[in-house]
């Protein structure tokens, strides 16, 4: 489990059995404005989010990590990130931040911290991330965090009931 702190943020493993966590996560994943760029459907029911939280918690059993992101000052829930094994020496990174956390530099701060941490792990030589080609903010964060554009994934992403759309593939290596 990752337990990292940056200057302003604290990353902690998914709380087990804490009901107060899921509503904050549900607010994040049920926001259609945020979810339009994600590779999953907008959550309409708390049950959808509870299932997602359970799937994230299972990542740890398979060598991955799922973390809640909180502000260090006050402990407000900011978002969620995942870091999952992609190959024997490569992990894939993803994250979501609430709109109230946008334009504060949090995405860059957490992306840098997680990539730096991952690349210090013995079996990790590469961290990759993907983003919707329309998501200029995600592109900027990944590039400022040192990730390099590797290519375009044609029609690779789709929410349920949406047509497939293109995504960029980025990576940082050691």
N, C-alpha and C. Protein backbone atom coordinates (compact mmCIF):
# COMPACT_ATOMS: atom_id res chain seq x y z
N UNK A 1 0.85 -1.18 0.00
CA UNK A 1 0.00 0.00 0.00
C UNK A 1 0.89 1.24 0.00
N UNK A 2 0.53 2.22 -0.82
CA UNK A 2 1.25 3.48 -0.85
C UNK A 2 0.78 4.34 0.31
N UNK A 3 1.71 4.95 0.98
CA UNK A 3 1.39 5.96 1.98
C UNK A 3 2.39 7.08 1.76
N UNK A 4 2.01 8.06 0.95
CA UNK A 4 2.89 9.17 0.58
C UNK A 4 2.30 10.48 1.06
N UNK A 5 3.18 11.41 1.33
CA UNK A 5 2.76 12.77 1.63
C UNK A 5 3.56 13.71 0.74
N UNK A 6 2.87 14.68 0.18
CA UNK A 6 3.54 15.75 -0.54
C UNK A 6 3.43 16.99 0.34
N UNK A 7 3.83 18.11 -0.19
CA UNK A 7 3.76 19.34 0.59
C UNK A 7 2.33 19.63 1.07
N UNK A 8 1.35 19.38 0.20
CA UNK A 8 -0.03 19.74 0.54
C UNK A 8 -1.00 18.58 0.59
N UNK A 9 -0.57 17.40 0.17
CA UNK A 9 -1.49 16.27 0.04
C UNK A 9 -1.00 15.05 0.80
N UNK A 10 -1.95 14.21 1.19
CA UNK A 10 -1.66 12.93 1.84
C UNK A 10 -2.36 11.86 1.02
N UNK A 11 -1.61 10.83 0.64
CA UNK A 11 -2.18 9.69 -0.06
C UNK A 11 -2.25 8.55 0.93
N UNK A 12 -3.38 7.89 0.96
CA UNK A 12 -3.57 6.79 1.90
C UNK A 12 -4.38 5.70 1.20
N UNK A 13 -4.10 4.46 1.56
CA UNK A 13 -4.86 3.35 1.01
C UNK A 13 -6.34 3.52 1.27
N UNK A 14 -7.14 2.88 0.46
CA UNK A 14 -8.59 2.97 0.62
C UNK A 14 -8.99 2.52 2.02
N UNK A 15 -9.74 3.35 2.72
CA UNK A 15 -10.21 2.92 4.05
C UNK A 15 -11.12 1.72 3.91
N UNK A 16 -10.99 0.80 4.80
CA UNK A 16 -11.84 -0.39 4.77
C UNK A 16 -12.97 -0.20 5.78
N UNK A 17 -14.19 -0.31 5.29
CA UNK A 17 -15.35 -0.27 6.17
C UNK A 17 -15.73 1.12 6.65
N UNK A 18 -15.15 2.16 6.08
CA UNK A 18 -15.53 3.51 6.49
C UNK A 18 -16.58 4.04 5.52
N UNK A 19 -17.80 4.08 5.94
CA UNK A 19 -18.89 4.52 5.06
C UNK A 19 -18.75 5.98 4.64
N UNK A 20 -18.10 6.80 5.44
CA UNK A 20 -17.97 8.21 5.12
C UNK A 20 -17.13 8.44 3.87
N UNK A 21 -16.30 7.48 3.50
CA UNK A 21 -15.45 7.65 2.33
C UNK A 21 -16.23 7.54 1.04
N UNK A 22 -17.11 6.58 0.93
CA UNK A 22 -17.80 6.32 -0.33
C UNK A 22 -18.63 7.51 -0.82
N UNK A 23 -19.36 8.25 0.05
CA UNK A 23 -20.08 9.41 -0.48
C UNK A 23 -19.17 10.45 -1.14
N UNK A 24 -17.98 10.70 -0.58
CA UNK A 24 -17.05 11.64 -1.21
C UNK A 24 -16.60 11.11 -2.56
N UNK A 25 -16.34 9.84 -2.63
CA UNK A 25 -15.96 9.21 -3.88
C UNK A 25 -17.13 9.23 -4.87
N UNK A 26 -18.33 9.01 -4.36
CA UNK A 26 -19.50 9.03 -5.25
C UNK A 26 -19.72 10.44 -5.83
N UNK A 27 -19.52 11.47 -5.04
CA UNK A 27 -19.64 12.84 -5.58
C UNK A 27 -18.66 13.04 -6.73
N UNK A 28 -17.46 12.52 -6.57
CA UNK A 28 -16.44 12.65 -7.61
C UNK A 28 -16.85 11.90 -8.87
N UNK A 29 -17.20 10.63 -8.73
CA UNK A 29 -17.46 9.77 -9.89
C UNK A 29 -18.86 9.95 -10.49
N UNK A 30 -19.70 10.72 -9.83
CA UNK A 30 -21.04 10.98 -10.39
C UNK A 30 -21.11 12.36 -11.04
N UNK A 31 -20.01 13.06 -11.12
CA UNK A 31 -19.97 14.39 -11.75
C UNK A 31 -19.77 14.23 -13.26
N UNK A 32 -20.83 14.45 -14.05
CA UNK A 32 -20.71 14.21 -15.49
C UNK A 32 -19.67 15.11 -16.16
N UNK A 33 -19.46 16.30 -15.64
CA UNK A 33 -18.46 17.20 -16.22
C UNK A 33 -17.04 16.61 -16.09
N UNK A 34 -16.77 15.98 -14.96
CA UNK A 34 -15.47 15.33 -14.77
C UNK A 34 -15.37 14.03 -15.56
N UNK A 35 -16.42 13.26 -15.53
CA UNK A 35 -16.38 11.92 -16.11
C UNK A 35 -16.38 11.92 -17.63
N UNK A 36 -16.65 13.04 -18.27
CA UNK A 36 -16.67 13.07 -19.74
C UNK A 36 -15.32 12.71 -20.33
N UNK A 37 -14.24 12.89 -19.57
CA UNK A 37 -12.91 12.56 -20.06
C UNK A 37 -12.40 11.21 -19.56
N UNK A 38 -13.19 10.50 -18.78
CA UNK A 38 -12.71 9.27 -18.17
C UNK A 38 -13.10 8.05 -18.99
N UNK A 39 -12.42 6.96 -18.71
CA UNK A 39 -12.65 5.72 -19.43
C UNK A 39 -13.63 4.83 -18.66
N UNK A 40 -14.67 5.44 -18.14
CA UNK A 40 -15.73 4.70 -17.45
C UNK A 40 -17.00 5.55 -17.48
N UNK A 41 -18.09 4.90 -17.18
CA UNK A 41 -19.37 5.58 -17.17
C UNK A 41 -19.52 6.41 -15.89
N UNK A 42 -20.24 7.52 -16.01
CA UNK A 42 -20.59 8.32 -14.84
C UNK A 42 -21.41 7.46 -13.88
N UNK A 43 -21.08 7.50 -12.61
CA UNK A 43 -21.83 6.72 -11.61
C UNK A 43 -23.12 7.45 -11.27
N UNK A 44 -24.22 6.70 -11.31
CA UNK A 44 -25.53 7.28 -11.00
C UNK A 44 -26.01 6.88 -9.62
N UNK A 45 -25.57 5.74 -9.15
CA UNK A 45 -26.03 5.23 -7.86
C UNK A 45 -24.82 4.99 -6.94
N UNK A 46 -25.00 5.22 -5.64
CA UNK A 46 -23.91 4.92 -4.71
C UNK A 46 -23.41 3.48 -4.81
N UNK A 47 -24.29 2.57 -5.21
CA UNK A 47 -23.88 1.17 -5.36
C UNK A 47 -22.77 1.04 -6.40
N UNK A 48 -22.88 1.78 -7.52
CA UNK A 48 -21.84 1.75 -8.55
C UNK A 48 -20.49 2.12 -7.95
N UNK A 49 -20.51 3.14 -7.11
CA UNK A 49 -19.27 3.63 -6.51
C UNK A 49 -18.74 2.66 -5.48
N UNK A 50 -19.63 2.02 -4.73
CA UNK A 50 -19.19 1.02 -3.76
C UNK A 50 -18.51 -0.15 -4.47
N UNK A 51 -19.04 -0.56 -5.61
CA UNK A 51 -18.42 -1.63 -6.40
C UNK A 51 -17.04 -1.19 -6.89
N UNK A 52 -16.95 0.04 -7.39
CA UNK A 52 -15.67 0.58 -7.85
C UNK A 52 -14.65 0.61 -6.70
N UNK A 53 -15.07 1.07 -5.53
CA UNK A 53 -14.17 1.12 -4.37
C UNK A 53 -13.69 -0.28 -4.00
N UNK A 54 -14.57 -1.26 -4.09
CA UNK A 54 -14.18 -2.63 -3.81
C UNK A 54 -13.18 -3.15 -4.83
N UNK A 55 -13.39 -2.81 -6.11
CA UNK A 55 -12.45 -3.22 -7.15
C UNK A 55 -11.08 -2.57 -6.93
N UNK A 56 -11.08 -1.31 -6.52
CA UNK A 56 -9.81 -0.63 -6.25
C UNK A 56 -9.11 -1.28 -5.07
N UNK A 57 -9.85 -1.63 -4.05
CA UNK A 57 -9.25 -2.27 -2.88
C UNK A 57 -8.63 -3.62 -3.26
N UNK A 58 -9.22 -4.31 -4.23
CA UNK A 58 -8.69 -5.60 -4.68
C UNK A 58 -7.37 -5.45 -5.44
N UNK A 59 -7.09 -4.26 -5.95
CA UNK A 59 -5.83 -4.03 -6.65
C UNK A 59 -4.63 -4.46 -5.81
N UNK A 60 -4.71 -4.20 -4.52
CA UNK A 60 -3.59 -4.53 -3.64
C UNK A 60 -3.29 -6.03 -3.63
N UNK A 61 -4.30 -6.84 -3.78
CA UNK A 61 -4.09 -8.29 -3.81
C UNK A 61 -3.30 -8.73 -5.04
N UNK A 62 -3.29 -7.87 -6.05
CA UNK A 62 -2.62 -8.21 -7.31
C UNK A 62 -1.41 -7.32 -7.54
N UNK A 63 -0.86 -6.76 -6.47
CA UNK A 63 0.37 -5.98 -6.57
C UNK A 63 0.19 -4.52 -6.93
N UNK A 64 -1.05 -4.06 -7.00
CA UNK A 64 -1.31 -2.67 -7.33
C UNK A 64 -1.63 -1.83 -6.11
N UNK A 65 -1.99 -0.60 -6.35
CA UNK A 65 -2.30 0.33 -5.28
C UNK A 65 -3.49 1.19 -5.67
N UNK A 66 -4.35 1.45 -4.72
CA UNK A 66 -5.45 2.40 -4.89
C UNK A 66 -5.43 3.30 -3.66
N UNK A 67 -5.45 4.59 -3.89
CA UNK A 67 -5.30 5.54 -2.79
C UNK A 67 -6.35 6.62 -2.85
N UNK A 68 -6.78 7.02 -1.69
CA UNK A 68 -7.56 8.24 -1.56
C UNK A 68 -6.56 9.38 -1.39
N UNK A 69 -6.90 10.52 -1.92
CA UNK A 69 -6.04 11.71 -1.81
C UNK A 69 -6.77 12.71 -0.93
N UNK A 70 -6.08 13.19 0.10
CA UNK A 70 -6.65 14.15 1.04
C UNK A 70 -5.74 15.37 1.14
N UNK A 71 -6.32 16.51 1.46
CA UNK A 71 -5.51 17.68 1.79
C UNK A 71 -4.87 17.44 3.14
N UNK A 72 -3.61 17.75 3.28
CA UNK A 72 -2.94 17.58 4.57
C UNK A 72 -3.49 18.57 5.59
N UNK A 73 -3.83 19.74 5.13
CA UNK A 73 -4.37 20.77 6.01
C UNK A 73 -5.90 20.64 6.03
N UNK A 74 -6.42 19.98 7.03
CA UNK A 74 -7.87 19.83 7.16
C UNK A 74 -8.41 18.48 6.76
N UNK A 75 -7.68 17.72 5.96
CA UNK A 75 -8.09 16.36 5.63
C UNK A 75 -9.23 16.23 4.64
N UNK A 76 -9.54 17.27 3.88
CA UNK A 76 -10.64 17.18 2.90
C UNK A 76 -10.30 16.17 1.80
N UNK A 77 -11.28 15.37 1.42
CA UNK A 77 -11.13 14.40 0.34
C UNK A 77 -10.96 15.16 -0.98
N UNK A 78 -9.89 14.84 -1.71
CA UNK A 78 -9.56 15.53 -2.95
C UNK A 78 -9.82 14.66 -4.17
N UNK A 79 -9.50 13.37 -4.05
CA UNK A 79 -9.65 12.50 -5.21
C UNK A 79 -9.15 11.10 -4.93
N UNK A 80 -8.86 10.39 -6.01
CA UNK A 80 -8.45 9.00 -5.93
C UNK A 80 -7.44 8.74 -7.04
N UNK A 81 -6.53 7.80 -6.77
CA UNK A 81 -5.59 7.39 -7.81
C UNK A 81 -5.40 5.89 -7.74
N UNK A 82 -4.99 5.34 -8.88
CA UNK A 82 -4.64 3.92 -8.94
C UNK A 82 -3.30 3.78 -9.62
N UNK A 83 -2.57 2.77 -9.20
CA UNK A 83 -1.29 2.42 -9.79
C UNK A 83 -1.30 0.89 -9.87
N UNK A 84 -1.41 0.38 -11.09
CA UNK A 84 -1.61 -1.06 -11.27
C UNK A 84 -0.51 -1.67 -12.12
N UNK A 85 -0.12 -2.90 -11.81
CA UNK A 85 0.87 -3.57 -12.66
C UNK A 85 0.34 -3.70 -14.08
N UNK A 86 1.20 -3.37 -15.03
CA UNK A 86 0.84 -3.48 -16.44
C UNK A 86 1.60 -4.65 -17.05
N UNK A 87 2.88 -4.75 -16.70
CA UNK A 87 3.72 -5.89 -17.07
C UNK A 87 4.59 -6.18 -15.85
N UNK A 88 5.56 -7.06 -16.00
CA UNK A 88 6.42 -7.40 -14.86
C UNK A 88 7.21 -6.21 -14.34
N UNK A 89 7.49 -5.22 -15.19
CA UNK A 89 8.31 -4.08 -14.77
C UNK A 89 7.67 -2.74 -15.11
N UNK A 90 6.38 -2.73 -15.36
CA UNK A 90 5.70 -1.51 -15.77
C UNK A 90 4.37 -1.38 -15.02
N UNK A 91 4.08 -0.17 -14.57
CA UNK A 91 2.81 0.11 -13.90
C UNK A 91 2.06 1.19 -14.68
N UNK A 92 0.74 1.14 -14.59
CA UNK A 92 -0.09 2.16 -15.23
C UNK A 92 -0.77 2.99 -14.14
N UNK A 93 -0.73 4.28 -14.32
CA UNK A 93 -1.20 5.26 -13.34
C UNK A 93 -2.47 5.94 -13.83
N UNK A 94 -3.39 6.19 -12.93
CA UNK A 94 -4.60 6.95 -13.27
C UNK A 94 -5.12 7.66 -12.03
N UNK A 95 -5.84 8.73 -12.23
CA UNK A 95 -6.38 9.44 -11.09
C UNK A 95 -7.51 10.37 -11.47
N UNK A 96 -8.27 10.73 -10.46
CA UNK A 96 -9.41 11.65 -10.60
C UNK A 96 -9.38 12.63 -9.43
N UNK A 97 -9.56 13.90 -9.72
CA UNK A 97 -9.66 14.91 -8.67
C UNK A 97 -11.01 15.61 -8.76
N UNK A 98 -11.57 15.92 -7.59
CA UNK A 98 -12.82 16.67 -7.56
C UNK A 98 -12.61 18.05 -8.19
N UNK A 99 -13.67 18.62 -8.74
CA UNK A 99 -13.56 19.94 -9.36
C UNK A 99 -13.06 21.00 -8.40
N UNK A 100 -13.41 20.88 -7.11
CA UNK A 100 -12.94 21.86 -6.13
C UNK A 100 -11.42 21.80 -5.96
N UNK A 101 -10.79 20.73 -6.43
CA UNK A 101 -9.34 20.57 -6.33
C UNK A 101 -8.62 20.98 -7.62
N UNK A 102 -9.37 21.37 -8.62
CA UNK A 102 -8.75 21.76 -9.89
C UNK A 102 -8.10 23.13 -9.77
N UNK A 103 -7.11 23.36 -10.63
CA UNK A 103 -6.43 24.65 -10.77
C UNK A 103 -5.69 25.06 -9.49
N UNK A 104 -5.28 24.06 -8.70
CA UNK A 104 -4.50 24.32 -7.48
C UNK A 104 -3.11 23.68 -7.58
N UNK A 105 -2.84 23.00 -8.66
CA UNK A 105 -1.57 22.32 -8.81
C UNK A 105 -1.53 20.94 -8.16
N UNK A 106 -2.66 20.48 -7.63
CA UNK A 106 -2.70 19.18 -6.96
C UNK A 106 -2.41 18.04 -7.92
N UNK A 107 -2.95 18.10 -9.12
CA UNK A 107 -2.76 16.99 -10.07
C UNK A 107 -1.27 16.82 -10.40
N UNK A 108 -0.59 17.92 -10.65
CA UNK A 108 0.84 17.85 -10.94
C UNK A 108 1.61 17.34 -9.72
N UNK A 109 1.27 17.84 -8.56
CA UNK A 109 1.95 17.44 -7.32
C UNK A 109 1.84 15.94 -7.07
N UNK A 110 0.64 15.41 -7.21
CA UNK A 110 0.44 13.98 -6.94
C UNK A 110 1.01 13.12 -8.07
N UNK A 111 0.92 13.57 -9.30
CA UNK A 111 1.46 12.80 -10.43
C UNK A 111 2.97 12.67 -10.30
N UNK A 112 3.64 13.77 -10.02
CA UNK A 112 5.10 13.72 -9.83
C UNK A 112 5.47 12.80 -8.68
N UNK A 113 4.80 12.96 -7.55
CA UNK A 113 5.13 12.18 -6.35
C UNK A 113 4.94 10.68 -6.58
N UNK A 114 3.85 10.30 -7.20
CA UNK A 114 3.58 8.88 -7.43
C UNK A 114 4.56 8.30 -8.45
N UNK A 115 4.85 9.03 -9.52
CA UNK A 115 5.80 8.54 -10.52
C UNK A 115 7.19 8.39 -9.89
N UNK A 116 7.62 9.37 -9.13
CA UNK A 116 8.93 9.29 -8.47
C UNK A 116 8.98 8.10 -7.51
N UNK A 117 7.92 7.92 -6.72
CA UNK A 117 7.88 6.80 -5.78
C UNK A 117 7.93 5.48 -6.53
N UNK A 118 7.11 5.34 -7.56
CA UNK A 118 7.03 4.08 -8.31
C UNK A 118 8.38 3.72 -8.91
N UNK A 119 9.06 4.70 -9.46
CA UNK A 119 10.32 4.41 -10.14
C UNK A 119 11.46 4.10 -9.17
N UNK A 120 11.22 4.27 -7.87
CA UNK A 120 12.22 3.85 -6.88
C UNK A 120 11.99 2.40 -6.45
N UNK A 121 10.87 1.82 -6.86
CA UNK A 121 10.58 0.43 -6.51
C UNK A 121 11.41 -0.49 -7.39
N UNK A 122 11.96 -1.52 -6.80
CA UNK A 122 12.90 -2.40 -7.48
C UNK A 122 12.37 -2.94 -8.81
N UNK A 123 11.12 -3.33 -8.85
CA UNK A 123 10.59 -3.99 -10.05
C UNK A 123 9.87 -3.03 -11.00
N UNK A 124 9.99 -1.74 -10.79
CA UNK A 124 9.30 -0.79 -11.69
C UNK A 124 10.33 0.03 -12.46
N UNK A 125 10.28 -0.11 -13.77
CA UNK A 125 11.18 0.65 -14.64
C UNK A 125 10.41 1.63 -15.52
N UNK A 126 9.07 1.56 -15.43
CA UNK A 126 8.24 2.37 -16.33
C UNK A 126 6.89 2.62 -15.68
N UNK A 127 6.43 3.86 -15.77
CA UNK A 127 5.08 4.22 -15.33
C UNK A 127 4.39 4.85 -16.53
N UNK A 128 3.23 4.32 -16.89
CA UNK A 128 2.49 4.85 -18.03
C UNK A 128 1.16 5.44 -17.56
N UNK A 129 0.60 6.26 -18.42
CA UNK A 129 -0.71 6.87 -18.16
C UNK A 129 -1.36 7.14 -19.51
N UNK A 130 -2.67 7.12 -19.50
CA UNK A 130 -3.42 7.43 -20.70
C UNK A 130 -4.42 8.53 -20.39
N UNK A 131 -4.75 9.33 -21.40
CA UNK A 131 -5.78 10.35 -21.21
C UNK A 131 -6.52 10.59 -22.52
N UNK A 132 -7.75 10.99 -22.38
CA UNK A 132 -8.59 11.36 -23.51
C UNK A 132 -7.89 12.49 -24.27
N UNK A 133 -7.87 12.41 -25.59
CA UNK A 133 -7.19 13.44 -26.38
C UNK A 133 -7.81 14.82 -26.20
N UNK A 134 -9.05 14.89 -25.76
CA UNK A 134 -9.73 16.19 -25.55
C UNK A 134 -9.38 16.82 -24.21
N UNK A 135 -8.70 16.08 -23.34
CA UNK A 135 -8.42 16.55 -21.98
C UNK A 135 -7.08 17.30 -21.94
N UNK A 136 -7.11 18.58 -22.34
CA UNK A 136 -5.90 19.39 -22.40
C UNK A 136 -5.24 19.53 -21.03
N UNK A 137 -6.03 19.57 -19.96
CA UNK A 137 -5.46 19.70 -18.62
C UNK A 137 -4.64 18.46 -18.25
N UNK A 138 -5.13 17.28 -18.56
CA UNK A 138 -4.39 16.05 -18.26
C UNK A 138 -3.12 15.97 -19.09
N UNK A 139 -3.20 16.36 -20.36
CA UNK A 139 -2.02 16.38 -21.22
C UNK A 139 -0.95 17.29 -20.60
N UNK A 140 -1.35 18.47 -20.17
CA UNK A 140 -0.40 19.43 -19.59
C UNK A 140 0.23 18.88 -18.32
N UNK A 141 -0.57 18.27 -17.46
CA UNK A 141 -0.05 17.71 -16.21
C UNK A 141 0.97 16.61 -16.50
N UNK A 142 0.61 15.68 -17.37
CA UNK A 142 1.53 14.58 -17.67
C UNK A 142 2.84 15.09 -18.26
N UNK A 143 2.77 16.04 -19.17
CA UNK A 143 3.99 16.56 -19.78
C UNK A 143 4.82 17.34 -18.77
N UNK A 144 4.20 18.13 -17.92
CA UNK A 144 4.94 18.89 -16.90
C UNK A 144 5.54 17.96 -15.85
N UNK A 145 4.92 16.80 -15.64
CA UNK A 145 5.44 15.82 -14.67
C UNK A 145 6.56 14.96 -15.26
N UNK A 146 6.91 15.19 -16.52
CA UNK A 146 8.02 14.47 -17.12
C UNK A 146 7.64 13.25 -17.95
N UNK A 147 6.35 13.00 -18.10
CA UNK A 147 5.90 11.89 -18.95
C UNK A 147 6.09 12.30 -20.42
N UNK A 148 6.46 11.33 -21.25
CA UNK A 148 6.64 11.59 -22.67
C UNK A 148 5.53 10.92 -23.46
N UNK A 149 5.05 11.63 -24.47
CA UNK A 149 4.02 11.09 -25.35
C UNK A 149 4.60 9.92 -26.14
N UNK A 150 3.93 8.77 -26.05
CA UNK A 150 4.37 7.59 -26.78
C UNK A 150 3.55 7.34 -28.03
N UNK A 151 2.29 7.77 -28.00
CA UNK A 151 1.48 7.53 -29.17
C UNK A 151 0.01 7.80 -28.95
N UNK A 152 -0.72 7.57 -30.01
CA UNK A 152 -2.17 7.75 -30.03
C UNK A 152 -2.82 6.38 -30.06
N UNK A 153 -3.74 6.15 -29.15
CA UNK A 153 -4.50 4.91 -29.11
C UNK A 153 -5.85 5.18 -29.78
N UNK A 154 -6.01 4.71 -30.99
CA UNK A 154 -7.22 4.99 -31.77
C UNK A 154 -8.41 4.24 -31.20
N UNK A 155 -9.50 4.98 -30.98
CA UNK A 155 -10.77 4.42 -30.53
C UNK A 155 -10.60 3.46 -29.34
N UNK A 156 -9.74 3.83 -28.41
CA UNK A 156 -9.39 2.95 -27.30
C UNK A 156 -10.26 3.15 -26.06
N UNK A 157 -10.87 4.29 -25.92
CA UNK A 157 -11.63 4.60 -24.70
C UNK A 157 -13.10 4.77 -25.02
N UNK A 158 -13.94 4.31 -24.10
CA UNK A 158 -15.38 4.54 -24.24
C UNK A 158 -16.06 4.32 -22.91
N UNK A 159 -16.96 5.22 -22.57
CA UNK A 159 -17.86 4.97 -21.46
C UNK A 159 -18.96 4.06 -21.98
N UNK A 160 -19.75 3.53 -21.10
CA UNK A 160 -20.83 2.65 -21.53
C UNK A 160 -21.83 3.44 -22.35
N UNK A 161 -22.17 2.91 -23.52
CA UNK A 161 -23.15 3.55 -24.39
C UNK A 161 -22.58 4.71 -25.19
N UNK A 162 -21.27 4.97 -25.11
CA UNK A 162 -20.65 6.05 -25.87
C UNK A 162 -19.83 5.45 -27.01
N UNK A 163 -19.66 6.20 -28.08
CA UNK A 163 -18.78 5.70 -29.13
C UNK A 163 -17.33 5.73 -28.66
N UNK A 164 -16.50 4.82 -29.12
CA UNK A 164 -15.08 4.83 -28.74
C UNK A 164 -14.42 6.14 -29.16
N UNK A 165 -13.44 6.57 -28.36
CA UNK A 165 -12.71 7.79 -28.66
C UNK A 165 -11.21 7.55 -28.48
N UNK A 166 -10.43 8.46 -29.03
CA UNK A 166 -8.98 8.32 -29.01
C UNK A 166 -8.41 8.74 -27.65
N UNK A 167 -7.26 8.15 -27.32
CA UNK A 167 -6.54 8.48 -26.09
C UNK A 167 -5.06 8.59 -26.41
N UNK A 168 -4.38 9.44 -25.64
CA UNK A 168 -2.93 9.52 -25.72
C UNK A 168 -2.33 8.55 -24.72
N UNK A 169 -1.18 8.00 -25.07
CA UNK A 169 -0.43 7.14 -24.17
C UNK A 169 0.88 7.85 -23.82
N UNK A 170 1.14 7.99 -22.52
CA UNK A 170 2.34 8.65 -22.00
C UNK A 170 3.09 7.68 -21.11
N UNK A 171 4.40 7.93 -20.93
CA UNK A 171 5.17 7.13 -19.98
C UNK A 171 6.39 7.92 -19.51
N UNK A 172 6.87 7.52 -18.34
CA UNK A 172 8.13 8.00 -17.79
C UNK A 172 8.90 6.74 -17.38
N UNK A 173 10.22 6.76 -17.59
CA UNK A 173 11.01 5.57 -17.33
C UNK A 173 12.26 5.94 -16.52
N UNK A 174 12.89 4.89 -15.99
CA UNK A 174 14.21 5.10 -15.35
C UNK A 174 15.25 4.28 -16.06
